[in-house]
Each structure stands twice: as structure tokens, then as C-alpha cells.
């Protein structure tokens, strides 16, 4: 069980005082109702017919989430073991004062529910109604977070920290949507891992993953276009390939010289100077604002490159 949990879920800590919050009771009640709606519209409807279609899928869902959460939090039961798994989880959402555990509980509920849609793909095709319902419920959850000044959004199976709502909506979210395409699977995993490190205050590791995601995105474009490259090529070599293959049109070359400088000297140089090489006898700390800039710059670069890949022929 331990190996299974660690394989699926990343460890995250909310140590910074700015990242802690007090969720008002009105929001907690709404979250409980959102979860109940999630179970009815997604978990139950995504399950194949069973003898008790309105009981068994929900019971099994809550129990599986409860087992993972109780292990993660180091508790035998979330509510003392006298109630059902459903009651324990919903009461936990209403009462816990631990902001990290509250976020993890919501994240796990949504991740398990999404997995449920595809759990029976060998029995039936994924239910389009469930996918649509899931996306609408996520929107409702995220809107409630915005209205209550909770600095997180549920995106791509993660609770993503949001420093600026505008930046998240216009840069981070579009980049995550792009990377959800299967051709960018590697870049997607690395970019999400960067957020996990950022949330756990491992800023050097976050910057390393940003560079990996940036390079993987370029390699995916080369792969799709059948442009020659090596798996060991670093960012500078990959950028040269994209320019030589005219992903950036020649007539716009002078205009994109500045862009090339940002792409070439932005994430790679930042990563190399801050976290990519041996730091010597002194520990070189990477401040939070540099890691945040790396995340935003990586997302912007991904949007630019993928837009050019779509629109340049």
C-alpha cells in the first residue's frame, strides 16, 4: 500500500504562513455539497451497473479515499471509526483546521473521481456526461476558492498554488491545458512536478523541472515535425533546431531575436546559475520569487512554442 500511495501522490507541505488559510464555514459547507454532487454525477454514473447502483460505487469510492487519507495523515480513522467512510470524510472537510490536509482531501476526492470515469474502459466507453459534469464541478470548486480568497486552484489533478489570479488564468492554466495533450506527456509530468516542488518550498528542484519541461516541449515538437534531434540535446541546441527549421519564420527573424534571447537565456541560464551546477562550499539558496518567475516564464514559453507549432507550416 505504501509503495502504491507514494507512486501516485506527491508529498506537499504548506509551511509558509502566507500559504496557510482559514476556510470559512460557508465555504466548507459548499465544498461538502460539491463533493456530494461529484459522487452522484461522476462516480456513480461512471460505474457499470451493479446490484445497488446508488450505494455500492459511492461506498467503495469513499472507502478508497478514506484509506489513502488516513494513511497519509497517520490516523487509523479520520473520525474515530464509529461512522462510515463517507461521514468521516465529509465531517473532516467541515471541521479540520489543518489547511494542508483540507486541500489534500479535496485533491484526492477529485483525482479518484476522475480516475473512476476511465476505470471501466474495458467494459464501457468513458461516459461523456461524466467528463462534462466533472469539468463543470471543477469550475464551481475553483470559483468558490476565488470568491473566498483561497490561493489555490484544482488543475490537471493537482492543487496548484495561485499567486496571481490573472497570471494563473492567462498563463498557467492555458499552459497546463496545452500540456494535457498526449504528445506533451513528458513535459506535462515535469511541469506538474515543478509545482509540487514549489509548493513544498524546494525551489531549486522546481527550477530544474521547469527546464526539463521546456526542453521536453521542444523535443515533442521536433518529434511531431520529424526534425532531427538527439535525446541528449540541451535547451540551446533545441532552440537552434527550431530556428533553423523556421518554426519562427525568417521574415520575422529580427523581431524574434529578442524572443530567442529570452528562450535561450531565460530558463536555462536561470537554472544553471541558481540550481544546475555544484554550489561549492556555500549553500546557494533559491528565493521563492525566482522559482515563481521560472514557473511563469516556462508556461509563457510553452504557450508561444505550441502556438507557433500549430500556426506555422
Protein backbone atom coordinates (compact mmCIF):
# COMPACT_ATOMS: atom_id res chain seq x y z
CA UNK A 1 0.00 0.00 0.00
CA UNK A 2 2.82 2.41 0.93
CA UNK A 3 4.55 1.96 -2.44
CA UNK A 4 1.23 2.44 -4.26
CA UNK A 5 0.45 5.69 -2.48
CA UNK A 6 3.90 7.18 -2.94
CA UNK A 7 3.83 6.31 -6.64
CA UNK A 8 0.60 8.21 -7.23
CA UNK A 9 0.72 11.14 -4.85
CA UNK A 10 3.42 13.73 -4.24
CA UNK A 11 4.24 14.89 -0.73
CA UNK A 12 3.44 18.54 -0.19
CA UNK A 13 3.85 20.82 2.79
CA UNK A 14 2.32 24.23 3.48
CA UNK A 15 4.99 25.67 5.72
CA UNK A 16 4.80 29.31 4.68
CA UNK A 17 2.43 31.42 6.76
CA UNK A 18 1.21 33.08 3.57
CA UNK A 19 0.08 29.70 2.27
CA UNK A 20 -1.99 28.86 5.34
CA UNK A 21 -5.61 29.95 5.40
CA UNK A 22 -8.80 29.66 7.38
CA UNK A 23 -11.61 28.30 5.25
CA UNK A 24 -14.90 29.84 6.41
CA UNK A 25 -17.74 27.52 7.36
CA UNK A 26 -19.87 28.70 4.45
CA UNK A 27 -17.13 27.57 2.03
CA UNK A 28 -16.75 24.23 3.82
CA UNK A 29 -20.49 23.55 3.52
CA UNK A 30 -20.32 24.35 -0.18
CA UNK A 31 -17.32 22.04 -0.61
CA UNK A 32 -19.26 19.20 1.03
CA UNK A 33 -22.21 19.77 -1.30
CA UNK A 34 -19.86 19.93 -4.30
CA UNK A 35 -18.30 16.61 -3.28
CA UNK A 36 -21.73 15.02 -2.87
CA UNK A 37 -22.70 16.25 -6.34
CA UNK A 38 -19.37 14.93 -7.68
CA UNK A 39 -20.17 11.47 -6.35
CA UNK A 40 -23.71 11.41 -7.79
CA UNK A 41 -22.90 12.88 -11.21
CA UNK A 42 -19.47 11.32 -11.79
CA UNK A 43 -18.62 8.40 -9.52
CA UNK A 44 -21.98 6.65 -9.62
CA UNK A 45 -22.82 7.39 -13.26
CA UNK A 46 -19.36 6.32 -14.43
CA UNK A 47 -19.71 2.91 -12.78
CA UNK A 48 -21.14 -0.13 -14.57
CA UNK A 49 -24.45 -1.48 -13.38
CA UNK A 50 -24.24 -3.21 -10.01
CA UNK A 51 -26.92 -4.73 -7.74
CA UNK A 52 -27.06 -1.50 -5.71
CA UNK A 53 -26.16 1.23 -8.22
CA UNK A 54 -26.87 4.09 -5.81
CA UNK A 55 -24.90 2.63 -2.90
CA UNK A 56 -22.01 0.39 -3.80
CA UNK A 57 -19.99 2.69 -6.11
CA UNK A 58 -20.24 5.59 -3.65
CA UNK A 59 -19.37 3.42 -0.65
CA UNK A 60 -16.38 1.95 -2.44
CA UNK A 61 -15.24 5.39 -3.59
CA UNK A 62 -15.37 6.94 -0.13
CA UNK A 63 -13.66 3.93 1.43
CA UNK A 64 -10.75 4.01 -1.03
CA UNK A 65 -10.25 7.74 -0.48
CA UNK A 66 -10.51 7.28 3.29
CA UNK A 67 -7.88 4.52 3.26
CA UNK A 68 -5.38 6.70 1.41
CA UNK A 69 -6.07 9.79 3.51
CA UNK A 70 -5.88 8.01 6.86
CA UNK A 71 -2.54 6.52 5.85
CA UNK A 72 -1.28 9.86 4.56
CA UNK A 73 -2.28 11.69 7.75
CA UNK A 74 -1.07 8.91 10.07
CA UNK A 75 -4.51 8.19 11.53
CA UNK A 76 -6.34 4.88 11.89
CA UNK A 77 -9.59 6.67 11.05
CA UNK A 78 -10.48 10.23 10.19
CA UNK A 79 -13.45 10.23 12.54
CA UNK A 80 -12.73 7.69 15.25
CA UNK A 81 -14.01 4.66 13.34
CA UNK A 82 -17.62 4.95 14.50
CA UNK A 83 -19.05 6.37 11.29
CA UNK A 84 -18.98 5.35 7.65
CA UNK A 85 -16.11 6.42 5.40
CA UNK A 86 -18.44 8.93 3.75
CA UNK A 87 -19.43 10.54 7.06
CA UNK A 88 -15.82 10.63 8.22
CA UNK A 89 -14.60 12.38 5.07
CA UNK A 90 -17.43 14.92 4.88
CA UNK A 91 -17.15 15.75 8.59
CA UNK A 92 -13.39 16.09 8.17
CA UNK A 93 -13.95 18.66 5.42
CA UNK A 94 -16.21 20.61 7.77
CA UNK A 95 -14.02 20.50 10.86
CA UNK A 96 -10.29 20.16 10.13
CA UNK A 97 -8.21 23.22 10.94
CA UNK A 98 -5.21 21.88 9.02
CA UNK A 99 -5.22 23.74 5.69
CA UNK A 100 -2.80 21.28 4.06
CA UNK A 101 -4.97 18.30 4.96
CA UNK A 102 -8.10 20.10 3.78
CA UNK A 103 -6.53 20.71 0.36
CA UNK A 104 -5.21 17.17 0.12
CA UNK A 105 -8.62 15.74 0.96
CA UNK A 106 -10.28 17.76 -1.80
CA UNK A 107 -7.50 16.91 -4.26
CA UNK A 108 -7.73 13.17 -3.59
CA UNK A 109 -11.53 13.18 -3.88
CA UNK A 110 -11.37 14.84 -7.29
CA UNK A 111 -8.48 12.69 -8.52
CA UNK A 112 -10.21 9.46 -7.53
CA UNK A 113 -13.46 10.66 -9.11
CA UNK A 114 -11.72 11.49 -12.38
CA UNK A 115 -10.00 8.09 -12.40
CA UNK A 116 -13.39 6.47 -11.90
CA UNK A 117 -14.52 7.78 -15.30
CA UNK A 118 -11.86 5.69 -17.01
CA UNK A 119 -11.70 2.76 -14.59
CA UNK A 120 -14.08 0.64 -16.64
CA UNK A 121 -12.82 1.46 -20.13
CA UNK A 122 -12.64 -2.26 -20.99
CA UNK A 123 -16.30 -2.61 -20.07
CA UNK A 124 -17.72 0.60 -21.48
CA UNK A 125 -16.52 3.75 -23.20
CA UNK A 126 -15.86 6.74 -20.94
CA UNK A 127 -19.13 8.47 -20.17
CA UNK A 128 -19.12 11.86 -21.91
CA UNK A 129 -21.72 13.14 -19.46
CA UNK A 130 -19.36 12.33 -16.59
CA UNK A 131 -16.44 14.13 -18.21
CA UNK A 132 -18.57 17.21 -18.84
CA UNK A 133 -20.01 17.08 -15.32
CA UNK A 134 -16.55 16.69 -13.79
CA UNK A 135 -15.25 19.77 -15.64
CA UNK A 136 -18.25 21.84 -14.56
CA UNK A 137 -17.87 20.76 -10.93
CA UNK A 138 -14.16 21.68 -11.01
CA UNK A 139 -15.14 25.15 -12.29
CA UNK A 140 -17.57 25.51 -9.40
CA UNK A 141 -14.94 24.46 -6.86
CA UNK A 142 -12.34 26.85 -8.28
CA UNK A 143 -14.82 29.72 -8.39
CA UNK A 144 -15.59 29.19 -4.72
CA UNK A 145 -11.86 29.30 -3.96
CA UNK A 146 -11.57 32.62 -5.82
CA UNK A 147 -14.58 34.13 -4.05
CA UNK A 148 -13.11 33.19 -0.66
CA UNK A 149 -9.53 34.29 -1.45
CA UNK A 150 -8.14 30.76 -1.23
CA UNK A 151 -4.88 30.88 -3.19
CA UNK A 152 -5.26 27.53 -4.92
CA UNK A 153 -6.98 26.12 -7.99
CA UNK A 154 -7.60 22.49 -8.92
CA UNK A 155 -5.90 21.94 -12.29
CA UNK A 156 -4.68 18.76 -14.01
CA UNK A 157 -5.15 16.62 -10.92
CA UNK A 158 -3.27 18.98 -8.59
CA UNK A 159 -3.98 21.77 -6.17
CA UNK A 160 -1.92 24.48 -7.88
CA UNK A 161 -0.84 27.50 -5.77
CA UNK A 162 -2.06 30.77 -7.28
CA UNK A 163 -0.03 33.91 -6.55
CA UNK A 164 -1.93 36.00 -9.10
CA UNK A 165 -5.36 35.09 -10.41
CA UNK A 166 -4.67 36.90 -13.70
CA UNK A 167 -1.35 35.08 -14.20
CA UNK A 168 -2.98 31.77 -13.41
CA UNK A 169 -5.90 32.30 -15.80
CA UNK A 170 -3.89 33.78 -18.67
CA UNK A 171 -0.59 31.87 -18.43
CA UNK A 172 -0.50 28.86 -16.11
CA UNK A 173 -3.92 27.38 -16.91
CA UNK A 174 -3.55 27.66 -20.72
CA UNK A 175 -0.11 26.03 -20.50
CA UNK A 176 -1.50 23.14 -18.44
CA UNK A 177 -4.34 22.73 -20.94
CA UNK A 178 -1.83 22.51 -23.80
CA UNK A 179 0.36 20.01 -21.98
CA UNK A 180 -2.64 17.76 -21.34
CA UNK A 181 -2.29 16.66 -24.98
CA UNK A 182 -0.70 13.21 -25.08
CA UNK A 183 2.15 14.42 -27.32
CA UNK A 184 3.40 16.55 -24.42
CA UNK A 185 3.11 13.82 -21.79
CA UNK A 186 6.73 14.15 -20.65
CA UNK A 187 6.64 17.94 -20.42
CA UNK A 188 3.33 17.78 -18.56
CA UNK A 189 4.70 15.44 -15.88
CA UNK A 190 7.78 17.62 -15.40
CA UNK A 191 5.84 20.88 -15.23
CA UNK A 192 3.43 19.46 -12.65
CA UNK A 193 6.40 18.14 -10.69
CA UNK A 194 7.81 21.68 -10.69
CA UNK A 195 4.63 22.86 -8.97
CA UNK A 196 4.91 20.06 -6.41
CA UNK A 197 8.46 21.16 -5.56
CA UNK A 198 7.40 24.82 -5.47
CA UNK A 199 4.58 24.09 -3.06
CA UNK A 200 6.95 22.12 -0.82
CA UNK A 201 9.43 25.05 -0.92
CA UNK A 202 12.02 23.02 -2.84
CA UNK A 203 12.79 25.91 -5.17
CA UNK A 204 15.99 24.53 -6.74
CA UNK A 205 14.19 21.35 -7.71
CA UNK A 206 11.27 23.40 -9.08
CA UNK A 207 13.62 25.28 -11.41
CA UNK A 208 15.26 22.05 -12.58
CA UNK A 209 11.86 20.64 -13.51
CA UNK A 210 10.95 23.86 -15.32
CA UNK A 211 13.97 23.44 -17.59
CA UNK A 212 13.12 19.78 -18.18
CA UNK A 213 9.55 20.71 -19.15
CA UNK A 214 10.81 23.45 -21.50
CA UNK A 215 13.24 21.03 -23.19
CA UNK A 216 10.67 18.22 -23.38
CA UNK A 217 8.18 20.56 -25.06
CA UNK A 218 10.73 21.40 -27.76
CA UNK A 219 11.62 17.73 -28.22
CA UNK A 220 7.92 16.89 -28.64
CA UNK A 221 7.63 19.50 -31.39
CA UNK A 222 10.74 18.12 -33.11
CA UNK A 223 9.29 14.62 -32.85
CA UNK A 224 5.97 15.68 -34.38
CA UNK A 225 7.65 17.59 -37.21
CA UNK A 226 10.21 14.79 -37.74
CA UNK A 227 13.12 17.19 -37.23
CA UNK A 228 16.45 15.61 -36.34
CA UNK A 229 17.48 15.98 -32.73
CA UNK A 230 19.11 13.90 -30.01
CA UNK A 231 17.53 12.97 -26.71
CA UNK A 232 20.60 14.40 -25.01
CA UNK A 233 20.22 17.83 -26.68
CA UNK A 234 20.02 20.67 -24.18
CA UNK A 235 17.92 23.82 -24.44
CA UNK A 236 20.36 25.87 -26.56
CA UNK A 237 20.71 23.13 -29.18
CA UNK A 238 16.95 22.57 -29.31
CA UNK A 239 16.26 26.29 -29.73
CA UNK A 240 18.76 26.37 -32.61
CA UNK A 241 16.90 23.49 -34.28
CA UNK A 242 13.56 25.29 -34.01
CA UNK A 243 15.01 28.45 -35.53
CA UNK A 244 16.87 26.57 -38.28
CA UNK A 245 13.67 24.69 -39.17
CA UNK A 246 11.86 28.04 -39.34
CA UNK A 247 9.35 27.42 -36.61
CA UNK A 248 9.98 31.14 -36.26
CA UNK A 249 9.51 32.43 -39.86
CA UNK A 250 12.57 34.01 -41.49
CA UNK A 251 10.75 37.24 -42.31
CA UNK A 252 10.12 37.62 -38.57
CA UNK A 253 13.64 36.65 -37.54
CA UNK A 254 14.72 40.13 -36.46
CA UNK A 255 11.51 40.51 -34.49
CA UNK A 256 12.13 37.20 -32.76
CA UNK A 257 15.78 37.87 -31.89
CA UNK A 258 14.56 39.24 -28.60
CA UNK A 259 12.34 36.20 -28.12
CA UNK A 260 15.27 33.91 -28.87
CA UNK A 261 17.32 35.68 -26.22
CA UNK A 262 14.54 35.14 -23.67
CA UNK A 263 14.12 31.49 -24.61
CA UNK A 264 17.85 30.82 -24.64
CA UNK A 265 18.91 32.94 -21.67
CA UNK A 266 15.75 32.74 -19.60
CA UNK A 267 15.00 29.36 -18.05
CA UNK A 268 18.32 27.60 -18.95
CA UNK A 269 20.57 30.38 -17.66
CA UNK A 270 18.45 30.96 -14.58
CA UNK A 271 18.50 27.27 -13.79
CA UNK A 272 22.25 26.91 -14.41
CA UNK A 273 23.18 29.89 -12.24
CA UNK A 274 20.72 29.16 -9.46
CA UNK A 275 20.47 25.38 -9.26
CA UNK A 276 22.04 23.48 -12.14
CA UNK A 277 25.66 23.14 -11.06
CA UNK A 278 27.64 22.41 -7.92
CA UNK A 279 27.21 25.25 -5.45
CA UNK A 280 30.66 24.92 -3.89
CA UNK A 281 31.36 25.28 -0.16
CA UNK A 282 28.49 27.71 0.43
CA UNK A 283 24.80 26.87 0.18
CA UNK A 284 23.18 28.98 -2.53
CA UNK A 285 19.52 29.50 -1.66
CA UNK A 286 16.97 29.93 -4.42
CA UNK A 287 14.36 32.50 -3.34
CA UNK A 288 10.67 31.88 -3.85
CA UNK A 289 10.24 34.80 -6.25
CA UNK A 290 12.86 33.33 -8.63
CA UNK A 291 11.11 29.95 -8.66
CA UNK A 292 7.77 31.65 -9.26
CA UNK A 293 9.27 33.60 -12.16
CA UNK A 294 10.67 30.35 -13.59
CA UNK A 295 7.23 28.74 -13.47
CA UNK A 296 5.57 31.69 -15.19
CA UNK A 297 8.32 32.02 -17.80
CA UNK A 298 8.17 28.30 -18.58
CA UNK A 299 4.40 28.48 -19.04
CA UNK A 300 4.73 31.51 -21.34
CA UNK A 301 7.40 29.79 -23.43
CA UNK A 302 5.27 26.66 -23.77
CA UNK A 303 2.30 28.71 -25.00
CA UNK A 304 4.47 30.55 -27.53
CA UNK A 305 6.14 27.42 -28.90
CA UNK A 306 2.96 25.40 -29.19
CA UNK A 307 1.08 28.29 -30.82
CA UNK A 308 3.85 28.57 -33.40
CA UNK A 309 3.80 24.81 -33.95
CA UNK A 310 0.07 24.94 -34.70
CA UNK A 311 0.15 28.03 -36.89
CA UNK A 312 3.47 27.65 -38.74
CA UNK A 313 3.62 25.32 -41.70
